[in-house]
Amino acid sequence: MVAANLHLQLIHLVGLILGTGLLIASACVFNNYLDINIDQKMERTAQRQLVTGLITAKNAIIFAVILLIISLSILLILTNLTVFLLGLVSFIFYVIIYGYFKRHSIYGTLIGTIPGAASLAAGYLAKNNQLSLVLLFLVLIMIVWQLAHFYAISIYRYDDYKQANLPVWSVVKGLNKTKNQIIINQVLLVVVSLFFVFLSSQLKFFGLIFGIVTFGWLIYGLRLFNKVKIKLWAQKIFISSLVVNLIFIFLLIFNFLIK
């Protein structure tokens, strides 16, 4: 019985990772197709294959559709209906809704964090298949972390976004106000992380350690706040945010293994 249960969990895990990965790949291809005109204006994206013509738009769309069909099939067959529907909604949200708002609203970044957090929710629901406060706070962590992460990108890649005429926070509100938003979200990340100490006995260790990590990230940002130029500061925050995210993933996996 135990062996059969572990085998089933392994199938769900493989289905989740493979299905989610292919779904994200499909969304990225669709996004790159829709962003050709934008990418032409930005230095960091001007050499993408769709922009240079190395890959034709027709082939990109065919490839994206194939990835979409395969990924959704895997999620439906190997996980559960909840994860499948979440994946489908997240795909639509990212490609269509976020695709529209990032061109027309300063809140496009916030909207873009929702499909980003959905992949984490999919992992949770693949195992538990039910909503809970734990899931809510895990999603909040991903949303707040992404805001700080992407605001940092919008500062040190400011010239690209300005050239492409995208209404990101740094272009509309200015670099200093965006810098303050990063600090605010770092503070929120500490608070949300520490909630796990009180929220779940099984996640106290996770909440405590990640709370310490996020507090350290906040202190790092504050110490450099007025010591380096703003774009360099943002680049350092961006790089360190990747480390914070890796620790977050490691702690979740560790908590799952010792559970």
C-alpha atoms as a PDB file:
ATOM      1  CA  MET A   1       0.000   0.000   0.000  1.00  0.00           C
ATOM      2  CA  VAL A   2       2.817   2.409   0.930  1.00  0.00           C
ATOM      3  CA  ALA A   3       4.710   1.557  -2.251  1.00  0.00           C
ATOM      4  CA  ALA A   4       1.604   2.141  -4.365  1.00  0.00           C
ATOM      5  CA  ASN A   5       0.998   5.500  -2.674  1.00  0.00           C
ATOM      6  CA  LEU A   6       4.590   6.611  -3.254  1.00  0.00           C
ATOM      7  CA  HIS A   7       4.339   5.523  -6.883  1.00  0.00           C
ATOM      8  CA  LEU A   8       1.170   7.575  -7.302  1.00  0.00           C
ATOM      9  CA  GLN A   9       2.801  10.617  -5.678  1.00  0.00           C
ATOM     10  CA  LEU A  10       5.774  10.256  -8.020  1.00  0.00           C
ATOM     11  CA  ILE A  11       3.477  10.165 -11.061  1.00  0.00           C
ATOM     12  CA  HIS A  12       1.695  13.307  -9.829  1.00  0.00           C
ATOM     13  CA  LEU A  13       5.031  15.037  -9.229  1.00  0.00           C
ATOM     14  CA  VAL A  14       6.371  14.185 -12.680  1.00  0.00           C
ATOM     15  CA  GLY A  15       3.094  15.240 -14.279  1.00  0.00           C
ATOM     16  CA  LEU A  16       3.093  18.510 -12.369  1.00  0.00           C
ATOM     17  CA  ILE A  17       6.695  19.406 -13.221  1.00  0.00           C
ATOM     18  CA  LEU A  18       6.482  18.358 -16.867  1.00  0.00           C
ATOM     19  CA  GLY A  19       3.012  19.788 -17.477  1.00  0.00           C
ATOM     20  CA  THR A  20       3.731  23.100 -15.754  1.00  0.00           C
ATOM     21  CA  GLY A  21       7.101  23.456 -17.469  1.00  0.00           C
ATOM     22  CA  LEU A  22       5.633  22.915 -20.932  1.00  0.00           C
ATOM     23  CA  LEU A  23       2.716  25.239 -20.156  1.00  0.00           C
ATOM     24  CA  ILE A  24       5.114  28.006 -19.105  1.00  0.00           C
ATOM     25  CA  ALA A  25       7.146  27.402 -22.271  1.00  0.00           C
ATOM     26  CA  SER A  26       4.002  27.726 -24.396  1.00  0.00           C
ATOM     27  CA  ALA A  27       3.013  30.968 -22.658  1.00  0.00           C
ATOM     28  CA  CYS A  28       6.502  32.371 -23.185  1.00  0.00           C
ATOM     29  CA  VAL A  29       6.420  31.607 -26.925  1.00  0.00           C
ATOM     30  CA  PHE A  30       2.988  33.226 -27.277  1.00  0.00           C
ATOM     31  CA  ASN A  31       4.239  36.191 -25.268  1.00  0.00           C
ATOM     32  CA  ASN A  32       7.333  36.589 -27.439  1.00  0.00           C
ATOM     33  CA  TYR A  33       5.138  36.477 -30.546  1.00  0.00           C
ATOM     34  CA  LEU A  34       2.839  39.192 -29.202  1.00  0.00           C
ATOM     35  CA  ASP A  35       5.806  41.278 -28.026  1.00  0.00           C
ATOM     36  CA  ILE A  36       7.762  41.396 -31.283  1.00  0.00           C
ATOM     37  CA  ASN A  37       7.163  45.123 -31.745  1.00  0.00           C
ATOM     38  CA  ILE A  38       8.115  45.826 -28.138  1.00  0.00           C
ATOM     39  CA  ASP A  39      11.179  43.590 -28.176  1.00  0.00           C
ATOM     40  CA  GLN A  40      12.527  45.414 -31.233  1.00  0.00           C
ATOM     41  CA  LYS A  41      12.852  48.575 -29.130  1.00  0.00           C
ATOM     42  CA  MET A  42      14.569  47.024 -26.118  1.00  0.00           C
ATOM     43  CA  GLU A  43      18.283  46.295 -26.012  1.00  0.00           C
ATOM     44  CA  ARG A  44      17.971  43.137 -23.893  1.00  0.00           C
ATOM     45  CA  THR A  45      15.351  41.576 -26.210  1.00  0.00           C
ATOM     46  CA  ALA A  46      16.361  42.925 -29.620  1.00  0.00           C
ATOM     47  CA  GLN A  47      18.220  39.709 -30.475  1.00  0.00           C
ATOM     48  CA  ARG A  48      15.380  37.289 -29.768  1.00  0.00           C
ATOM     49  CA  GLN A  49      14.897  34.847 -32.639  1.00  0.00           C
ATOM     50  CA  LEU A  50      11.416  36.124 -33.489  1.00  0.00           C
ATOM     51  CA  VAL A  51      12.725  39.680 -33.693  1.00  0.00           C
ATOM     52  CA  THR A  52      15.690  38.797 -35.889  1.00  0.00           C
ATOM     53  CA  GLY A  53      13.611  36.473 -38.069  1.00  0.00           C
ATOM     54  CA  LEU A  54      15.611  33.360 -37.198  1.00  0.00           C
ATOM     55  CA  ILE A  55      12.274  31.789 -36.217  1.00  0.00           C
ATOM     56  CA  THR A  56       9.190  32.702 -38.241  1.00  0.00           C
ATOM     57  CA  ALA A  57       6.002  33.850 -36.526  1.00  0.00           C
ATOM     58  CA  LYS A  58       4.063  30.953 -38.101  1.00  0.00           C
ATOM     59  CA  ASN A  59       6.461  28.321 -36.757  1.00  0.00           C
ATOM     60  CA  ALA A  60       6.446  29.945 -33.332  1.00  0.00           C
ATOM     61  CA  ILE A  61       2.662  29.820 -33.115  1.00  0.00           C
ATOM     62  CA  ILE A  62       2.533  26.179 -34.257  1.00  0.00           C
ATOM     63  CA  PHE A  63       5.151  25.265 -31.668  1.00  0.00           C
ATOM     64  CA  ALA A  64       3.308  27.180 -28.929  1.00  0.00           C
ATOM     65  CA  VAL A  65      -0.011  25.484 -29.711  1.00  0.00           C
ATOM     66  CA  ILE A  66       1.608  22.029 -29.650  1.00  0.00           C
ATOM     67  CA  LEU A  67       3.211  22.796 -26.281  1.00  0.00           C
ATOM     68  CA  LEU A  68      -0.129  24.043 -24.952  1.00  0.00           C
ATOM     69  CA  ILE A  69      -2.017  20.903 -25.989  1.00  0.00           C
ATOM     70  CA  ILE A  70       0.635  18.546 -24.602  1.00  0.00           C
ATOM     71  CA  SER A  71       1.009  20.432 -21.320  1.00  0.00           C
ATOM     72  CA  LEU A  72      -2.711  20.627 -20.598  1.00  0.00           C
ATOM     73  CA  SER A  73      -3.127  16.945 -21.476  1.00  0.00           C
ATOM     74  CA  ILE A  74      -0.378  15.986 -19.045  1.00  0.00           C
ATOM     75  CA  LEU A  75      -1.883  18.096 -16.252  1.00  0.00           C
ATOM     76  CA  LEU A  76      -5.344  16.642 -16.837  1.00  0.00           C
ATOM     77  CA  ILE A  77      -4.193  13.006 -16.995  1.00  0.00           C
ATOM     78  CA  LEU A  78      -1.390  12.926 -14.420  1.00  0.00           C
ATOM     79  CA  THR A  79      -2.497  15.454 -11.778  1.00  0.00           C
ATOM     80  CA  ASN A  80      -6.112  16.445 -11.150  1.00  0.00           C
ATOM     81  CA  LEU A  81      -8.887  18.619 -12.543  1.00  0.00           C
ATOM     82  CA  THR A  82      -8.142  21.488 -10.146  1.00  0.00           C
ATOM     83  CA  VAL A  83      -4.536  21.757 -11.300  1.00  0.00           C
ATOM     84  CA  PHE A  84      -5.595  21.480 -14.942  1.00  0.00           C
ATOM     85  CA  LEU A  85      -8.102  24.326 -14.599  1.00  0.00           C
ATOM     86  CA  LEU A  86      -5.615  26.442 -12.662  1.00  0.00           C
ATOM     87  CA  GLY A  87      -3.048  25.927 -15.406  1.00  0.00           C
ATOM     88  CA  LEU A  88      -5.514  26.865 -18.126  1.00  0.00           C
ATOM     89  CA  VAL A  89      -6.705  29.991 -16.301  1.00  0.00           C
ATOM     90  CA  SER A  90      -3.109  31.025 -15.535  1.00  0.00           C
ATOM     91  CA  PHE A  91      -2.166  30.633 -19.189  1.00  0.00           C
ATOM     92  CA  ILE A  92      -5.069  32.832 -20.321  1.00  0.00           C
ATOM     93  CA  PHE A  93      -4.335  35.319 -17.561  1.00  0.00           C
ATOM     94  CA  TYR A  94      -0.653  35.646 -18.520  1.00  0.00           C
ATOM     95  CA  VAL A  95      -0.933  35.712 -22.295  1.00  0.00           C
ATOM     96  CA  ILE A  96      -4.106  37.784 -22.682  1.00  0.00           C
ATOM     97  CA  ILE A  97      -4.886  39.748 -19.504  1.00  0.00           C
ATOM     98  CA  TYR A  98      -1.316  40.502 -18.424  1.00  0.00           C
ATOM     99  CA  GLY A  99      -0.364  41.006 -22.079  1.00  0.00           C
ATOM    100  CA  TYR A 100      -2.950  43.787 -22.293  1.00  0.00           C
ATOM    101  CA  PHE A 101      -2.326  45.483 -18.945  1.00  0.00           C
ATOM    102  CA  LYS A 102       1.456  45.627 -19.236  1.00  0.00           C
ATOM    103  CA  ARG A 103       0.940  47.841 -22.299  1.00  0.00           C
ATOM    104  CA  HIS A 104      -1.760  50.057 -20.796  1.00  0.00           C
ATOM    105  CA  SER A 105      -1.523  50.175 -17.008  1.00  0.00           C
ATOM    106  CA  ILE A 106       0.990  50.836 -14.280  1.00  0.00           C
ATOM    107  CA  TYR A 107      -0.516  47.862 -12.462  1.00  0.00           C
ATOM    108  CA  GLY A 108       0.571  45.434 -15.160  1.00  0.00           C
ATOM    109  CA  THR A 109       3.418  44.260 -12.915  1.00  0.00           C
ATOM    110  CA  LEU A 110       1.013  43.414 -10.101  1.00  0.00           C
ATOM    111  CA  ILE A 111      -1.287  41.549 -12.478  1.00  0.00           C
ATOM    112  CA  GLY A 112       1.714  39.669 -13.873  1.00  0.00           C
ATOM    113  CA  THR A 113       2.528  38.259 -10.430  1.00  0.00           C
ATOM    114  CA  ILE A 114      -0.731  36.277 -10.350  1.00  0.00           C
ATOM    115  CA  PRO A 115       0.142  33.686 -13.014  1.00  0.00           C
ATOM    116  CA  GLY A 116       3.631  33.615 -11.518  1.00  0.00           C
ATOM    117  CA  ALA A 117       2.194  32.588  -8.155  1.00  0.00           C
ATOM    118  CA  ALA A 118      -0.186  30.120  -9.810  1.00  0.00           C
ATOM    119  CA  SER A 119       2.603  27.614 -10.477  1.00  0.00           C
ATOM    120  CA  LEU A 120       3.236  27.414  -6.744  1.00  0.00           C
ATOM    121  CA  ALA A 121      -0.488  27.031  -6.102  1.00  0.00           C
ATOM    122  CA  ALA A 122      -0.589  24.231  -8.672  1.00  0.00           C
ATOM    123  CA  GLY A 123       2.104  22.339  -6.791  1.00  0.00           C
ATOM    124  CA  TYR A 124       0.225  22.688  -3.522  1.00  0.00           C
ATOM    125  CA  LEU A 125      -3.119  21.691  -5.024  1.00  0.00           C
ATOM    126  CA  ALA A 126      -1.611  18.720  -6.835  1.00  0.00           C
ATOM    127  CA  LYS A 127      -0.800  17.257  -3.441  1.00  0.00           C
ATOM    128  CA  ASN A 128      -3.615  18.568  -1.245  1.00  0.00           C
ATOM    129  CA  ASN A 129      -6.407  19.366  -3.728  1.00  0.00           C
ATOM    130  CA  GLN A 130      -7.995  21.841  -1.319  1.00  0.00           C
ATOM    131  CA  LEU A 131      -7.781  25.534  -0.483  1.00  0.00           C
ATOM    132  CA  SER A 132      -6.277  26.664   2.824  1.00  0.00           C
ATOM    133  CA  LEU A 133      -4.670  29.589   4.628  1.00  0.00           C
ATOM    134  CA  VAL A 134      -1.286  27.965   4.048  1.00  0.00           C
ATOM    135  CA  LEU A 135      -1.862  28.151   0.293  1.00  0.00           C
ATOM    136  CA  LEU A 136      -3.017  31.768   0.562  1.00  0.00           C
ATOM    137  CA  PHE A 137       0.134  32.852   2.377  1.00  0.00           C
ATOM    138  CA  LEU A 138       2.404  30.886   0.025  1.00  0.00           C
ATOM    139  CA  VAL A 139       0.768  32.719  -2.881  1.00  0.00           C
ATOM    140  CA  LEU A 140       1.207  36.045  -1.047  1.00  0.00           C
ATOM    141  CA  ILE A 141       4.913  35.310  -0.624  1.00  0.00           C
ATOM    142  CA  MET A 142       5.292  34.742  -4.349  1.00  0.00           C
ATOM    143  CA  ILE A 143       3.319  37.880  -5.247  1.00  0.00           C
ATOM    144  CA  VAL A 144       5.241  40.167  -2.891  1.00  0.00           C
ATOM    145  CA  TRP A 145       8.611  38.663  -3.858  1.00  0.00           C
ATOM    146  CA  GLN A 146       7.833  39.097  -7.560  1.00  0.00           C
ATOM    147  CA  LEU A 147       6.877  42.752  -7.053  1.00  0.00           C
ATOM    148  CA  ALA A 148      10.233  43.541  -5.433  1.00  0.00           C
ATOM    149  CA  HIS A 149      12.027  41.442  -8.064  1.00  0.00           C
ATOM    150  CA  PHE A 150      10.360  43.060 -11.081  1.00  0.00           C
ATOM    151  CA  TYR A 151      10.459  46.586  -9.688  1.00  0.00           C
ATOM    152  CA  ALA A 152      14.217  46.119  -9.394  1.00  0.00           C
ATOM    153  CA  ILE A 153      14.376  45.060 -13.046  1.00  0.00           C
ATOM    154  CA  SER A 154      12.309  48.087 -14.054  1.00  0.00           C
ATOM    155  CA  ILE A 155      14.875  50.386 -12.428  1.00  0.00           C
ATOM    156  CA  TYR A 156      18.095  48.987 -13.803  1.00  0.00           C
ATOM    157  CA  ARG A 157      16.466  48.322 -17.198  1.00  0.00           C
ATOM    158  CA  TYR A 158      14.726  51.694 -17.096  1.00  0.00           C
ATOM    159  CA  ASP A 159      16.062  52.851 -20.468  1.00  0.00           C
ATOM    160  CA  ASP A 160      14.637  49.770 -22.212  1.00  0.00           C
ATOM    161  CA  TYR A 161      11.166  50.247 -20.756  1.00  0.00           C
ATOM    162  CA  LYS A 162      11.249  53.960 -21.506  1.00  0.00           C
ATOM    163  CA  GLN A 163      12.272  53.303 -25.107  1.00  0.00           C
ATOM    164  CA  ALA A 164       9.479  50.739 -25.514  1.00  0.00           C
ATOM    165  CA  ASN A 165       6.981  53.167 -23.930  1.00  0.00           C
ATOM    166  CA  LEU A 166       5.782  50.601 -21.395  1.00  0.00           C
ATOM    167  CA  PRO A 167       3.984  52.055 -18.344  1.00  0.00           C
ATOM    168  CA  VAL A 168       5.989  50.266 -15.673  1.00  0.00           C
ATOM    169  CA  TRP A 169       6.222  51.849 -12.242  1.00  0.00           C
ATOM    170  CA  SER A 170       9.710  53.290 -12.760  1.00  0.00           C
ATOM    171  CA  VAL A 171       8.755  55.026 -16.013  1.00  0.00           C
ATOM    172  CA  VAL A 172       5.449  56.448 -14.737  1.00  0.00           C
ATOM    173  CA  LYS A 173       6.263  57.192 -11.083  1.00  0.00           C
ATOM    174  CA  GLY A 174      10.020  57.655 -11.261  1.00  0.00           C
ATOM    175  CA  LEU A 175      13.036  55.713 -10.022  1.00  0.00           C
ATOM    176  CA  ASN A 176      12.994  56.889  -6.400  1.00  0.00           C
ATOM    177  CA  LYS A 177       9.333  55.996  -5.842  1.00  0.00           C
ATOM    178  CA  THR A 178       9.972  52.594  -7.391  1.00  0.00           C
ATOM    179  CA  LYS A 179      12.928  52.166  -5.063  1.00  0.00           C
ATOM    180  CA  ASN A 180      10.637  52.850  -2.109  1.00  0.00           C
ATOM    181  CA  GLN A 181       8.147  50.284  -3.435  1.00  0.00           C
ATOM    182  CA  ILE A 182      10.873  47.659  -3.373  1.00  0.00           C
ATOM    183  CA  ILE A 183      11.586  48.343   0.298  1.00  0.00           C
ATOM    184  CA  ILE A 184       7.868  48.241   1.123  1.00  0.00           C
ATOM    185  CA  ASN A 185       7.528  44.840  -0.542  1.00  0.00           C
ATOM    186  CA  GLN A 186      10.633  43.555   1.229  1.00  0.00           C
ATOM    187  CA  VAL A 187       9.019  44.517   4.551  1.00  0.00           C
ATOM    188  CA  LEU A 188       5.776  42.802   3.536  1.00  0.00           C
ATOM    189  CA  LEU A 189       7.738  39.687   2.589  1.00  0.00           C
ATOM    190  CA  VAL A 190       9.231  39.495   6.085  1.00  0.00           C
ATOM    191  CA  VAL A 191       5.798  39.868   7.686  1.00  0.00           C
ATOM    192  CA  VAL A 192       4.091  37.284   5.465  1.00  0.00           C
ATOM    193  CA  SER A 193       6.957  34.818   5.956  1.00  0.00           C
ATOM    194  CA  LEU A 194       6.804  35.039   9.748  1.00  0.00           C
ATOM    195  CA  PHE A 195       3.056  34.356   9.682  1.00  0.00           C
ATOM    196  CA  PHE A 196       3.924  30.708   9.037  1.00  0.00           C
ATOM    197  CA  VAL A 197       5.403  30.459  12.531  1.00  0.00           C
ATOM    198  CA  PHE A 198       1.886  30.947  13.913  1.00  0.00           C
ATOM    199  CA  LEU A 199      -0.129  29.607  10.983  1.00  0.00           C
ATOM    200  CA  SER A 200       0.989  25.990  10.833  1.00  0.00           C
ATOM    201  CA  SER A 201       2.877  23.774  13.262  1.00  0.00           C
ATOM    202  CA  GLN A 202       4.293  21.863  10.302  1.00  0.00           C
ATOM    203  CA  LEU A 203       5.660  25.050   8.726  1.00  0.00           C
ATOM    204  CA  LYS A 204       7.097  26.787  11.807  1.00  0.00           C
ATOM    205  CA  PHE A 205      10.656  25.927  10.792  1.00  0.00           C
ATOM    206  CA  PHE A 206      10.031  27.158   7.251  1.00  0.00           C
ATOM    207  CA  GLY A 207       8.493  30.420   8.500  1.00  0.00           C
ATOM    208  CA  LEU A 208      11.261  31.090  11.003  1.00  0.00           C
ATOM    209  CA  ILE A 209      14.160  30.431   8.627  1.00  0.00           C
ATOM    210  CA  PHE A 210      12.614  32.195   5.643  1.00  0.00           C
ATOM    211  CA  GLY A 211      11.614  35.095   7.885  1.00  0.00           C
ATOM    212  CA  ILE A 212      15.267  35.467   8.887  1.00  0.00           C
ATOM    213  CA  VAL A 213      16.362  35.246   5.230  1.00  0.00           C
ATOM    214  CA  THR A 214      13.880  37.892   4.081  1.00  0.00           C
ATOM    215  CA  PHE A 215      14.793  40.152   7.006  1.00  0.00           C
ATOM    216  CA  GLY A 216      18.439  39.840   5.980  1.00  0.00           C
ATOM    217  CA  TRP A 217      17.476  40.774   2.410  1.00  0.00           C
ATOM    218  CA  LEU A 218      15.644  43.847   3.728  1.00  0.00           C
ATOM    219  CA  ILE A 219      18.649  44.932   5.806  1.00  0.00           C
ATOM    220  CA  TYR A 220      20.893  44.417   2.768  1.00  0.00           C
ATOM    221  CA  GLY A 221      18.687  46.725   0.714  1.00  0.00           C
ATOM    222  CA  LEU A 222      18.528  49.373   3.430  1.00  0.00           C
ATOM    223  CA  ARG A 223      22.304  49.344   4.033  1.00  0.00           C
ATOM    224  CA  LEU A 224      22.982  50.000   0.341  1.00  0.00           C
ATOM    225  CA  PHE A 225      20.004  52.340  -0.081  1.00  0.00           C
ATOM    226  CA  ASN A 226      22.002  55.586  -0.217  1.00  0.00           C
ATOM    227  CA  LYS A 227      25.495  54.150  -0.710  1.00  0.00           C
ATOM    228  CA  VAL A 228      25.407  53.223  -4.401  1.00  0.00           C
ATOM    229  CA  LYS A 229      23.786  54.661  -7.507  1.00  0.00           C
ATOM    230  CA  ILE A 230      20.157  53.717  -7.910  1.00  0.00           C
ATOM    231  CA  LYS A 231      20.552  51.458 -10.972  1.00  0.00           C
ATOM    232  CA  LEU A 232      23.423  49.581  -9.352  1.00  0.00           C
ATOM    233  CA  TRP A 233      21.357  49.261  -6.165  1.00  0.00           C
ATOM    234  CA  ALA A 234      18.459  47.824  -8.167  1.00  0.00           C
ATOM    235  CA  GLN A 235      20.752  45.366  -9.937  1.00  0.00           C
ATOM    236  CA  LYS A 236      22.073  44.137  -6.595  1.00  0.00           C
ATOM    237  CA  ILE A 237      18.531  43.751  -5.279  1.00  0.00           C
ATOM    238  CA  PHE A 238      17.575  41.829  -8.419  1.00  0.00           C
ATOM    239  CA  ILE A 239      20.509  39.416  -8.111  1.00  0.00           C
ATOM    240  CA  SER A 240      19.954  38.894  -4.377  1.00  0.00           C
ATOM    241  CA  SER A 241      16.230  38.312  -5.004  1.00  0.00           C
ATOM    242  CA  LEU A 242      17.165  35.235  -7.028  1.00  0.00           C
ATOM    243  CA  VAL A 243      19.073  33.880  -4.035  1.00  0.00           C
ATOM    244  CA  VAL A 244      16.063  34.537  -1.795  1.00  0.00           C
ATOM    245  CA  ASN A 245      13.819  32.638  -4.215  1.00  0.00           C
ATOM    246  CA  LEU A 246      16.200  29.684  -4.367  1.00  0.00           C
ATOM    247  CA  ILE A 247      16.216  29.490  -0.564  1.00  0.00           C
ATOM    248  CA  PHE A 248      12.417  29.665  -0.586  1.00  0.00           C
ATOM    249  CA  ILE A 249      12.207  26.701  -2.975  1.00  0.00           C
ATOM    250  CA  PHE A 250      14.825  24.732  -1.026  1.00  0.00           C
ATOM    251  CA  LEU A 251      12.978  25.262   2.274  1.00  0.00           C
ATOM    252  CA  LEU A 252       9.677  24.122   0.752  1.00  0.00           C
ATOM    253  CA  ILE A 253      11.285  20.968  -0.649  1.00  0.00           C
ATOM    254  CA  PHE A 254      13.064  20.306   2.652  1.00  0.00           C
ATOM    255  CA  ASN A 255       9.825  20.737   4.579  1.00  0.00           C
ATOM    256  CA  PHE A 256       8.079  18.338   2.191  1.00  0.00           C
ATOM    257  CA  LEU A 257      10.812  15.699   2.591  1.00  0.00           C
ATOM    258  CA  ILE A 258      10.848  15.746   6.409  1.00  0.00           C
ATOM    259  CA  LYS A 259       7.046  15.912   6.711  1.00  0.00           C
END
